[in-house]
């Protein structure tokens, strides 16, 4: 009869412990976390007015006013994207903490 090597029971014990620890882990939820849908205004690039080739003072003033409105619109879209992201993260955090 051959003697049992020392590493054989040790290896079997390690395999048994690893299998038992994996079996004790909770199974992933089949329910997906909440997702919010971004508005089209958030995903579109911002338009900014440019001056024509031979710009006059009137063109400069009109572009200045138009660009100011475009910057406000772009900032509002950025703010909406940030608020949506923060709300989605809060929903996901609540969803994670509510799971058993």
PDB file of N, CA and C in Angstrom:
ATOM      1  N   UNK A   1       0.845  -1.179   0.000  1.00  0.00           N
ATOM      2  CA  UNK A   1       0.000   0.000   0.000  1.00  0.00           C
ATOM      3  C   UNK A   1       0.887   1.238   0.000  1.00  0.00           C
ATOM      4  N   UNK A   2       0.536   2.212  -0.843  1.00  0.00           N
ATOM      5  CA  UNK A   2       1.352   3.417  -0.932  1.00  0.00           C
ATOM      6  C   UNK A   2       0.865   4.445   0.071  1.00  0.00           C
ATOM      7  N   UNK A   3       1.781   5.182   0.636  1.00  0.00           N
ATOM      8  CA  UNK A   3       1.364   6.190   1.623  1.00  0.00           C
ATOM      9  C   UNK A   3       0.665   7.371   0.927  1.00  0.00           C
ATOM     10  N   UNK A   4      -0.248   7.975   1.645  1.00  0.00           N
ATOM     11  CA  UNK A   4      -0.955   9.159   1.118  1.00  0.00           C
ATOM     12  C   UNK A   4      -0.023  10.352   1.237  1.00  0.00           C
ATOM     13  N   UNK A   5       0.111  11.015   0.124  1.00  0.00           N
ATOM     14  CA  UNK A   5       0.967  12.202   0.152  1.00  0.00           C
ATOM     15  C   UNK A   5       0.275  13.312   0.921  1.00  0.00           C
ATOM     16  N   UNK A   6       1.071  14.193   1.494  1.00  0.00           N
ATOM     17  CA  UNK A   6       0.546  15.252   2.355  1.00  0.00           C
ATOM     18  C   UNK A   6      -0.322  16.249   1.584  1.00  0.00           C
ATOM     19  N   UNK A   7       0.011  16.545   0.355  1.00  0.00           N
ATOM     20  CA  UNK A   7      -0.713  17.573  -0.382  1.00  0.00           C
ATOM     21  C   UNK A   7      -2.079  17.101  -0.859  1.00  0.00           C
ATOM     22  N   UNK A   8      -2.321  15.790  -0.952  1.00  0.00           N
ATOM     23  CA  UNK A   8      -3.593  15.288  -1.461  1.00  0.00           C
ATOM     24  C   UNK A   8      -4.765  15.682  -0.558  1.00  0.00           C
ATOM     25  N   UNK A   9      -4.723  15.432   0.754  1.00  0.00           N
ATOM     26  CA  UNK A   9      -5.853  15.878   1.590  1.00  0.00           C
ATOM     27  C   UNK A   9      -5.971  17.398   1.634  1.00  0.00           C
ATOM     28  N   UNK A  10      -4.826  18.059   1.579  1.00  0.00           N
ATOM     29  CA  UNK A  10      -4.838  19.522   1.595  1.00  0.00           C
ATOM     30  C   UNK A  10      -5.523  20.064   0.342  1.00  0.00           C
ATOM     31  N   UNK A  11      -5.202  19.519  -0.815  1.00  0.00           N
ATOM     32  CA  UNK A  11      -5.817  19.959  -2.067  1.00  0.00           C
ATOM     33  C   UNK A  11      -7.313  19.673  -2.068  1.00  0.00           C
ATOM     34  N   UNK A  12      -7.711  18.503  -1.570  1.00  0.00           N
ATOM     35  CA  UNK A  12      -9.137  18.182  -1.495  1.00  0.00           C
ATOM     36  C   UNK A  12      -9.879  19.128  -0.552  1.00  0.00           C
ATOM     37  N   UNK A  13      -9.243  19.484   0.552  1.00  0.00           N
ATOM     38  CA  UNK A  13      -9.861  20.423   1.503  1.00  0.00           C
ATOM     39  C   UNK A  13     -10.039  21.798   0.872  1.00  0.00           C
ATOM     40  N   UNK A  14      -9.030  22.252   0.156  1.00  0.00           N
ATOM     41  CA  UNK A  14      -9.115  23.564  -0.497  1.00  0.00           C
ATOM     42  C   UNK A  14     -10.226  23.562  -1.538  1.00  0.00           C
ATOM     43  N   UNK A  15     -10.323  22.516  -2.327  1.00  0.00           N
ATOM     44  CA  UNK A  15     -11.393  22.430  -3.335  1.00  0.00           C
ATOM     45  C   UNK A  15     -12.772  22.437  -2.676  1.00  0.00           C
ATOM     46  N   UNK A  16     -12.910  21.705  -1.582  1.00  0.00           N
ATOM     47  CA  UNK A  16     -14.197  21.650  -0.890  1.00  0.00           C
ATOM     48  C   UNK A  16     -14.566  23.012  -0.317  1.00  0.00           C
ATOM     49  N   UNK A  17     -13.587  23.708   0.260  1.00  0.00           N
ATOM     50  CA  UNK A  17     -13.849  25.034   0.837  1.00  0.00           C
ATOM     51  C   UNK A  17     -14.233  26.019  -0.258  1.00  0.00           C
ATOM     52  N   UNK A  18     -13.534  26.001  -1.391  1.00  0.00           N
ATOM     53  CA  UNK A  18     -13.835  26.919  -2.497  1.00  0.00           C
ATOM     54  C   UNK A  18     -15.227  26.654  -3.065  1.00  0.00           C
ATOM     55  N   UNK A  19     -15.585  25.379  -3.198  1.00  0.00           N
ATOM     56  CA  UNK A  19     -16.903  25.041  -3.726  1.00  0.00           C
ATOM     57  C   UNK A  19     -17.996  25.491  -2.758  1.00  0.00           C
ATOM     58  N   UNK A  20     -17.791  25.277  -1.483  1.00  0.00           N
ATOM     59  CA  UNK A  20     -18.791  25.672  -0.486  1.00  0.00           C
ATOM     60  C   UNK A  20     -18.938  27.180  -0.421  1.00  0.00           C
ATOM     61  N   UNK A  21     -17.838  27.915  -0.545  1.00  0.00           N
ATOM     62  CA  UNK A  21     -17.929  29.374  -0.468  1.00  0.00           C
ATOM     63  C   UNK A  21     -18.612  29.947  -1.699  1.00  0.00           C
ATOM     64  N   UNK A  22     -18.406  29.348  -2.855  1.00  0.00           N
ATOM     65  CA  UNK A  22     -19.092  29.823  -4.062  1.00  0.00           C
ATOM     66  C   UNK A  22     -20.579  29.513  -4.010  1.00  0.00           C
ATOM     67  N   UNK A  23     -20.934  28.398  -3.441  1.00  0.00           N
ATOM     68  CA  UNK A  23     -22.342  28.023  -3.361  1.00  0.00           C
ATOM     69  C   UNK A  23     -23.102  28.926  -2.405  1.00  0.00           C
ATOM     70  N   UNK A  24     -22.410  29.541  -1.443  1.00  0.00           N
ATOM     71  CA  UNK A  24     -23.078  30.396  -0.464  1.00  0.00           C
ATOM     72  C   UNK A  24     -23.329  31.800  -0.986  1.00  0.00           C
ATOM     73  N   UNK A  25     -22.705  32.174  -2.099  1.00  0.00           N
ATOM     74  CA  UNK A  25     -22.896  33.520  -2.634  1.00  0.00           C
ATOM     75  C   UNK A  25     -24.310  33.675  -3.176  1.00  0.00           C
ATOM     76  N   UNK A  26     -24.912  34.860  -2.995  1.00  0.00           N
ATOM     77  CA  UNK A  26     -26.260  35.057  -3.538  1.00  0.00           C
ATOM     78  C   UNK A  26     -26.215  35.093  -5.068  1.00  0.00           C
ATOM     79  N   UNK A  27     -27.252  34.584  -5.673  1.00  0.00           N
ATOM     80  CA  UNK A  27     -27.331  34.570  -7.122  1.00  0.00           C
ATOM     81  C   UNK A  27     -27.644  35.978  -7.629  1.00  0.00           C
ATOM     82  N   UNK A  28     -27.123  36.347  -8.795  1.00  0.00           N
ATOM     83  CA  UNK A  28     -27.437  37.673  -9.338  1.00  0.00           C
ATOM     84  C   UNK A  28     -28.927  37.788  -9.657  1.00  0.00           C
ATOM     85  N   UNK A  29     -29.427  38.975  -9.482  1.00  0.00           N
ATOM     86  CA  UNK A  29     -30.854  39.209  -9.693  1.00  0.00           C
ATOM     87  C   UNK A  29     -31.176  39.193 -11.183  1.00  0.00           C
ATOM     88  N   UNK A  30     -32.273  38.551 -11.571  1.00  0.00           N
ATOM     89  CA  UNK A  30     -32.670  38.593 -12.978  1.00  0.00           C
ATOM     90  C   UNK A  30     -33.280  39.945 -13.359  1.00  0.00           C
ATOM     91  N   UNK A  31     -33.559  40.771 -12.364  1.00  0.00           N
ATOM     92  CA  UNK A  31     -34.151  42.088 -12.600  1.00  0.00           C
ATOM     93  C   UNK A  31     -33.028  43.092 -12.831  1.00  0.00           C
ATOM     94  N   UNK A  32     -33.116  43.832 -13.903  1.00  0.00           N
ATOM     95  CA  UNK A  32     -32.093  44.828 -14.232  1.00  0.00           C
ATOM     96  C   UNK A  32     -32.273  46.066 -13.351  1.00  0.00           C
ATOM     97  N   UNK A  33     -31.167  46.776 -13.067  1.00  0.00           N
ATOM     98  CA  UNK A  33     -31.294  48.007 -12.289  1.00  0.00           C
ATOM     99  C   UNK A  33     -32.039  49.072 -13.083  1.00  0.00           C
ATOM    100  N   UNK A  34     -32.608  50.055 -12.405  1.00  0.00           N
ATOM    101  CA  UNK A  34     -33.369  51.084 -13.114  1.00  0.00           C
ATOM    102  C   UNK A  34     -32.471  51.934 -14.018  1.00  0.00           C
ATOM    103  N   UNK A  35     -32.993  52.306 -15.157  1.00  0.00           N
ATOM    104  CA  UNK A  35     -32.291  53.175 -16.103  1.00  0.00           C
ATOM    105  C   UNK A  35     -33.226  54.304 -16.508  1.00  0.00           C
ATOM    106  N   UNK A  36     -32.684  55.505 -16.594  1.00  0.00           N
ATOM    107  CA  UNK A  36     -33.460  56.654 -17.057  1.00  0.00           C
ATOM    108  C   UNK A  36     -33.055  56.972 -18.492  1.00  0.00           C
ATOM    109  N   UNK A  37     -33.993  57.492 -19.261  1.00  0.00           N
ATOM    110  CA  UNK A  37     -33.741  57.805 -20.666  1.00  0.00           C
ATOM    111  C   UNK A  37     -33.407  59.287 -20.779  1.00  0.00           C
ATOM    112  N   UNK A  38     -32.298  59.566 -21.457  1.00  0.00           N
ATOM    113  CA  UNK A  38     -31.880  60.951 -21.660  1.00  0.00           C
ATOM    114  C   UNK A  38     -32.677  61.586 -22.789  1.00  0.00           C
ATOM    115  N   UNK A  39     -32.920  62.856 -22.664  1.00  0.00           N
ATOM    116  CA  UNK A  39     -33.606  63.621 -23.700  1.00  0.00           C
ATOM    117  C   UNK A  39     -32.699  63.758 -24.922  1.00  0.00           C
ATOM    118  N   UNK A  40     -33.307  63.970 -26.086  1.00  0.00           N
ATOM    119  CA  UNK A  40     -32.513  64.187 -27.303  1.00  0.00           C
ATOM    120  C   UNK A  40     -31.668  65.447 -27.207  1.00  0.00           C
ATOM    121  N   UNK A  41     -32.161  66.455 -26.497  1.00  0.00           N
ATOM    122  CA  UNK A  41     -31.413  67.704 -26.348  1.00  0.00           C
ATOM    123  C   UNK A  41     -30.096  67.480 -25.624  1.00  0.00           C
ATOM    124  N   UNK A  42     -30.044  66.476 -24.766  1.00  0.00           N
ATOM    125  CA  UNK A  42     -28.827  66.192 -24.001  1.00  0.00           C
ATOM    126  C   UNK A  42     -27.776  65.529 -24.875  1.00  0.00           C
ATOM    127  N   UNK A  43     -28.201  64.701 -25.796  1.00  0.00           N
ATOM    128  CA  UNK A  43     -27.254  63.933 -26.598  1.00  0.00           C
ATOM    129  C   UNK A  43     -26.798  64.655 -27.860  1.00  0.00           C
ATOM    130  N   UNK A  44     -27.500  65.709 -28.249  1.00  0.00           N
ATOM    131  CA  UNK A  44     -27.108  66.475 -29.432  1.00  0.00           C
ATOM    132  C   UNK A  44     -25.954  67.420 -29.105  1.00  0.00           C
ATOM    133  N   UNK A  45     -25.009  67.615 -30.031  1.00  0.00           N
ATOM    134  CA  UNK A  45     -23.957  68.610 -29.785  1.00  0.00           C
ATOM    135  C   UNK A  45     -24.549  70.024 -29.799  1.00  0.00           C
ATOM    136  N   UNK A  46     -23.912  70.915 -29.075  1.00  0.00           N
ATOM    137  CA  UNK A  46     -24.392  72.296 -28.995  1.00  0.00           C
ATOM    138  C   UNK A  46     -24.040  73.053 -30.275  1.00  0.00           C
ATOM    139  N   UNK A  47     -25.018  73.824 -30.763  1.00  0.00           N
ATOM    140  CA  UNK A  47     -24.777  74.700 -31.911  1.00  0.00           C
ATOM    141  C   UNK A  47     -24.284  76.038 -31.400  1.00  0.00           C
ATOM    142  N   UNK A  48     -23.304  76.577 -32.068  1.00  0.00           N
ATOM    143  CA  UNK A  48     -22.838  77.922 -31.740  1.00  0.00           C
ATOM    144  C   UNK A  48     -22.747  78.735 -33.019  1.00  0.00           C
ATOM    145  N   UNK A  49     -23.262  79.940 -32.955  1.00  0.00           N
ATOM    146  CA  UNK A  49     -23.280  80.818 -34.119  1.00  0.00           C
ATOM    147  C   UNK A  49     -21.856  81.210 -34.513  1.00  0.00           C
ATOM    148  N   UNK A  50     -21.622  81.277 -35.820  1.00  0.00           N
ATOM    149  CA  UNK A  50     -20.328  81.734 -36.342  1.00  0.00           C
ATOM    150  C   UNK A  50     -20.580  82.930 -37.255  1.00  0.00           C
ATOM    151  N   UNK A  51     -19.583  83.745 -37.374  1.00  0.00           N
ATOM    152  CA  UNK A  51     -19.694  84.937 -38.210  1.00  0.00           C
ATOM    153  C   UNK A  51     -19.481  84.586 -39.673  1.00  0.00           C
ATOM    154  N   UNK A  52     -20.201  85.269 -40.566  1.00  0.00           N
ATOM    155  CA  UNK A  52     -19.954  85.055 -41.992  1.00  0.00           C
ATOM    156  C   UNK A  52     -18.576  85.590 -42.386  1.00  0.00           C
ATOM    157  N   UNK A  53     -18.163  85.262 -43.609  1.00  0.00           N
ATOM    158  CA  UNK A  53     -16.828  85.649 -44.087  1.00  0.00           C
ATOM    159  C   UNK A  53     -16.611  87.170 -44.026  1.00  0.00           C
ATOM    160  N   UNK A  54     -17.509  87.931 -44.582  1.00  0.00           N
ATOM    161  CA  UNK A  54     -17.390  89.392 -44.574  1.00  0.00           C
ATOM    162  C   UNK A  54     -18.403  89.941 -43.574  1.00  0.00           C
ATOM    163  N   UNK A  55     -18.102  89.820 -42.292  1.00  0.00           N
ATOM    164  CA  UNK A  55     -19.042  90.194 -41.242  1.00  0.00           C
ATOM    165  C   UNK A  55     -19.096  91.703 -41.049  1.00  0.00           C
ATOM    166  N   UNK A  56     -20.295  92.170 -40.787  1.00  0.00           N
ATOM    167  CA  UNK A  56     -20.494  93.582 -40.469  1.00  0.00           C
ATOM    168  C   UNK A  56     -20.746  93.698 -38.966  1.00  0.00           C
ATOM    169  N   UNK A  57     -20.880  94.924 -38.501  1.00  0.00           N
ATOM    170  CA  UNK A  57     -21.172  95.140 -37.084  1.00  0.00           C
ATOM    171  C   UNK A  57     -22.533  94.541 -36.724  1.00  0.00           C
ATOM    172  N   UNK A  58     -23.486  94.621 -37.618  1.00  0.00           N
ATOM    173  CA  UNK A  58     -24.812  94.043 -37.379  1.00  0.00           C
ATOM    174  C   UNK A  58     -24.702  92.513 -37.265  1.00  0.00           C
ATOM    175  N   UNK A  59     -23.871  91.909 -38.123  1.00  0.00           N
ATOM    176  CA  UNK A  59     -23.666  90.459 -38.035  1.00  0.00           C
ATOM    177  C   UNK A  59     -23.040  90.084 -36.697  1.00  0.00           C
ATOM    178  N   UNK A  60     -22.077  90.883 -36.252  1.00  0.00           N
ATOM    179  CA  UNK A  60     -21.412  90.625 -34.977  1.00  0.00           C
ATOM    180  C   UNK A  60     -22.407  90.711 -33.826  1.00  0.00           C
ATOM    181  N   UNK A  61     -23.247  91.736 -33.806  1.00  0.00           N
ATOM    182  CA  UNK A  61     -24.223  91.893 -32.736  1.00  0.00           C
ATOM    183  C   UNK A  61     -25.262  90.770 -32.756  1.00  0.00           C
ATOM    184  N   UNK A  62     -25.719  90.404 -33.959  1.00  0.00           N
ATOM    185  CA  UNK A  62     -26.707  89.324 -34.068  1.00  0.00           C
ATOM    186  C   UNK A  62     -26.101  87.996 -33.607  1.00  0.00           C
ATOM    187  N   UNK A  63     -24.879  87.729 -34.005  1.00  0.00           N
ATOM    188  CA  UNK A  63     -24.217  86.481 -33.598  1.00  0.00           C
ATOM    189  C   UNK A  63     -23.966  86.473 -32.094  1.00  0.00           C
ATOM    190  N   UNK A  64     -23.650  87.631 -31.538  1.00  0.00           N
ATOM    191  CA  UNK A  64     -23.410  87.726 -30.100  1.00  0.00           C
ATOM    192  C   UNK A  64     -24.668  87.354 -29.311  1.00  0.00           C
ATOM    193  N   UNK A  65     -25.802  87.918 -29.736  1.00  0.00           N
ATOM    194  CA  UNK A  65     -27.073  87.633 -29.061  1.00  0.00           C
ATOM    195  C   UNK A  65     -27.469  86.167 -29.275  1.00  0.00           C
ATOM    196  N   UNK A  66     -27.353  85.692 -30.522  1.00  0.00           N
ATOM    197  CA  UNK A  66     -27.726  84.304 -30.828  1.00  0.00           C
ATOM    198  C   UNK A  66     -26.840  83.318 -30.065  1.00  0.00           C
ATOM    199  N   UNK A  67     -25.546  83.620 -29.995  1.00  0.00           N
ATOM    200  CA  UNK A  67     -24.627  82.721 -29.283  1.00  0.00           C
ATOM    201  C   UNK A  67     -24.944  82.692 -27.785  1.00  0.00           C
ATOM    202  N   UNK A  68     -25.341  83.819 -27.218  1.00  0.00           N
ATOM    203  CA  UNK A  68     -25.729  83.838 -25.806  1.00  0.00           C
ATOM    204  C   UNK A  68     -26.905  82.912 -25.538  1.00  0.00           C
ATOM    205  N   UNK A  69     -27.915  82.950 -26.409  1.00  0.00           N
ATOM    206  CA  UNK A  69     -29.057  82.049 -26.270  1.00  0.00           C
ATOM    207  C   UNK A  69     -28.660  80.592 -26.451  1.00  0.00           C
ATOM    208  N   UNK A  70     -27.750  80.351 -27.393  1.00  0.00           N
ATOM    209  CA  UNK A  70     -27.302  78.978 -27.626  1.00  0.00           C
ATOM    210  C   UNK A  70     -26.506  78.440 -26.427  1.00  0.00           C
ATOM    211  N   UNK A  71     -25.724  79.299 -25.796  1.00  0.00           N
ATOM    212  CA  UNK A  71     -24.967  78.873 -24.612  1.00  0.00           C
ATOM    213  C   UNK A  71     -25.921  78.545 -23.467  1.00  0.00           C
ATOM    214  N   UNK A  72     -26.974  79.352 -23.293  1.00  0.00           N
ATOM    215  CA  UNK A  72     -27.972  79.053 -22.259  1.00  0.00           C
ATOM    216  C   UNK A  72     -28.672  77.720 -22.529  1.00  0.00           C
ATOM    217  N   UNK A  73     -29.029  77.466 -23.788  1.00  0.00           N
ATOM    218  CA  UNK A  73     -29.672  76.207 -24.157  1.00  0.00           C
ATOM    219  C   UNK A  73     -28.744  75.022 -23.905  1.00  0.00           C
ATOM    220  N   UNK A  74     -27.480  75.186 -24.272  1.00  0.00           N
ATOM    221  CA  UNK A  74     -26.496  74.122 -24.078  1.00  0.00           C
ATOM    222  C   UNK A  74     -26.275  73.852 -22.586  1.00  0.00           C
ATOM    223  N   UNK A  75     -26.218  74.908 -21.789  1.00  0.00           N
ATOM    224  CA  UNK A  75     -26.023  74.733 -20.350  1.00  0.00           C
ATOM    225  C   UNK A  75     -27.241  74.058 -19.715  1.00  0.00           C
ATOM    226  N   UNK A  76     -28.433  74.387 -20.188  1.00  0.00           N
ATOM    227  CA  UNK A  76     -29.638  73.737 -19.668  1.00  0.00           C
ATOM    228  C   UNK A  76     -29.631  72.244 -20.011  1.00  0.00           C
ATOM    229  N   UNK A  77     -29.184  71.895 -21.217  1.00  0.00           N
ATOM    230  CA  UNK A  77     -29.102  70.480 -21.600  1.00  0.00           C
ATOM    231  C   UNK A  77     -28.057  69.759 -20.756  1.00  0.00           C
ATOM    232  N   UNK A  78     -26.949  70.428 -20.487  1.00  0.00           N
ATOM    233  CA  UNK A  78     -25.908  69.827 -19.646  1.00  0.00           C
ATOM    234  C   UNK A  78     -26.441  69.605 -18.235  1.00  0.00           C
ATOM    235  N   UNK A  79     -27.147  70.586 -17.711  1.00  0.00           N
ATOM    236  CA  UNK A  79     -27.721  70.479 -16.373  1.00  0.00           C
ATOM    237  C   UNK A  79     -28.738  69.339 -16.305  1.00  0.00           C
ATOM    238  N   UNK A  80     -29.544  69.183 -17.369  1.00  0.00           N
ATOM    239  CA  UNK A  80     -30.516  68.102 -17.427  1.00  0.00           C
ATOM    240  C   UNK A  80     -29.809  66.746 -17.435  1.00  0.00           C
ATOM    241  N   UNK A  81     -28.701  66.651 -18.158  1.00  0.00           N
ATOM    242  CA  UNK A  81     -27.942  65.395 -18.200  1.00  0.00           C
ATOM    243  C   UNK A  81     -27.371  65.062 -16.832  1.00  0.00           C
ATOM    244  N   UNK A  82     -26.847  66.062 -16.142  1.00  0.00           N
ATOM    245  CA  UNK A  82     -26.275  65.830 -14.812  1.00  0.00           C
ATOM    246  C   UNK A  82     -27.369  65.419 -13.828  1.00  0.00           C
ATOM    247  N   UNK A  83     -28.510  66.096 -13.857  1.00  0.00           N
ATOM    248  CA  UNK A  83     -29.611  65.754 -12.959  1.00  0.00           C
ATOM    249  C   UNK A  83     -30.140  64.349 -13.244  1.00  0.00           C
ATOM    250  N   UNK A  84     -30.214  63.987 -14.518  1.00  0.00           N
ATOM    251  CA  UNK A  84     -30.671  62.643 -14.886  1.00  0.00           C
ATOM    252  C   UNK A  84     -29.698  61.591 -14.378  1.00  0.00           C
ATOM    253  N   UNK A  85     -28.405  61.841 -14.548  1.00  0.00           N
ATOM    254  CA  UNK A  85     -27.389  60.901 -14.073  1.00  0.00           C
ATOM    255  C   UNK A  85     -27.448  60.750 -12.556  1.00  0.00           C
ATOM    256  N   UNK A  86     -27.580  61.860 -11.839  1.00  0.00           N
ATOM    257  CA  UNK A  86     -27.656  61.788 -10.385  1.00  0.00           C
ATOM    258  C   UNK A  86     -28.915  61.050  -9.932  1.00  0.00           C
ATOM    259  N   UNK A  87     -30.043  61.285 -10.598  1.00  0.00           N
ATOM    260  CA  UNK A  87     -31.286  60.596 -10.247  1.00  0.00           C
ATOM    261  C   UNK A  87     -31.168  59.098 -10.539  1.00  0.00           C
ATOM    262  N   UNK A  88     -30.539  58.753 -11.665  1.00  0.00           N
ATOM    263  CA  UNK A  88     -30.363  57.337 -11.990  1.00  0.00           C
ATOM    264  C   UNK A  88     -29.466  56.648 -10.968  1.00  0.00           C
ATOM    265  N   UNK A  89     -28.395  57.308 -10.574  1.00  0.00           N
ATOM    266  CA  UNK A  89     -27.502  56.722  -9.562  1.00  0.00           C
ATOM    267  C   UNK A  89     -28.218  56.547  -8.229  1.00  0.00           C
ATOM    268  N   UNK A  90     -29.052  57.506  -7.857  1.00  0.00           N
ATOM    269  CA  UNK A  90     -29.811  57.378  -6.609  1.00  0.00           C
ATOM    270  C   UNK A  90     -30.789  56.207  -6.692  1.00  0.00           C
ATOM    271  N   UNK A  91     -31.443  56.037  -7.842  1.00  0.00           N
ATOM    272  CA  UNK A  91     -32.353  54.903  -8.023  1.00  0.00           C
ATOM    273  C   UNK A  91     -31.605  53.575  -7.956  1.00  0.00           C
ATOM    274  N   UNK A  92     -30.431  53.509  -8.575  1.00  0.00           N
ATOM    275  CA  UNK A  92     -29.650  52.275  -8.550  1.00  0.00           C
ATOM    276  C   UNK A  92     -29.171  51.981  -7.136  1.00  0.00           C
ATOM    277  N   UNK A  93     -28.741  53.003  -6.403  1.00  0.00           N
ATOM    278  CA  UNK A  93     -28.320  52.792  -5.014  1.00  0.00           C
ATOM    279  C   UNK A  93     -29.485  52.270  -4.167  1.00  0.00           C
ATOM    280  N   UNK A  94     -30.666  52.852  -4.347  1.00  0.00           N
ATOM    281  CA  UNK A  94     -31.849  52.398  -3.608  1.00  0.00           C
ATOM    282  C   UNK A  94     -32.203  50.973  -4.013  1.00  0.00           C
ATOM    283  N   UNK A  95     -32.076  50.664  -5.298  1.00  0.00           N
ATOM    284  CA  UNK A  95     -32.374  49.318  -5.786  1.00  0.00           C
ATOM    285  C   UNK A  95     -31.402  48.288  -5.200  1.00  0.00           C
ATOM    286  N   UNK A  96     -30.126  48.644  -5.132  1.00  0.00           N
ATOM    287  CA  UNK A  96     -29.116  47.719  -4.592  1.00  0.00           C
ATOM    288  C   UNK A  96     -29.372  47.462  -3.107  1.00  0.00           C
ATOM    289  N   UNK A  97     -29.705  48.523  -2.361  1.00  0.00           N
ATOM    290  CA  UNK A  97     -29.918  48.369  -0.919  1.00  0.00           C
ATOM    291  C   UNK A  97     -31.242  47.705  -0.591  1.00  0.00           C
ATOM    292  N   UNK A  98     -32.185  47.699  -1.517  1.00  0.00           N
ATOM    293  CA  UNK A  98     -33.478  47.067  -1.249  1.00  0.00           C
ATOM    294  C   UNK A  98     -33.476  45.574  -1.578  1.00  0.00           C
ATOM    295  N   UNK A  99     -32.430  45.109  -2.266  1.00  0.00           N
ATOM    296  CA  UNK A  99     -32.358  43.684  -2.604  1.00  0.00           C
ATOM    297  C   UNK A  99     -32.010  42.871  -1.364  1.00  0.00           C
ATOM    298  N   UNK A 100     -32.568  41.659  -1.281  1.00  0.00           N
ATOM    299  CA  UNK A 100     -32.292  40.823  -0.095  1.00  0.00           C
ATOM    300  C   UNK A 100     -30.877  40.299  -0.091  1.00  0.00           C
TER     301      UNK A 100
END
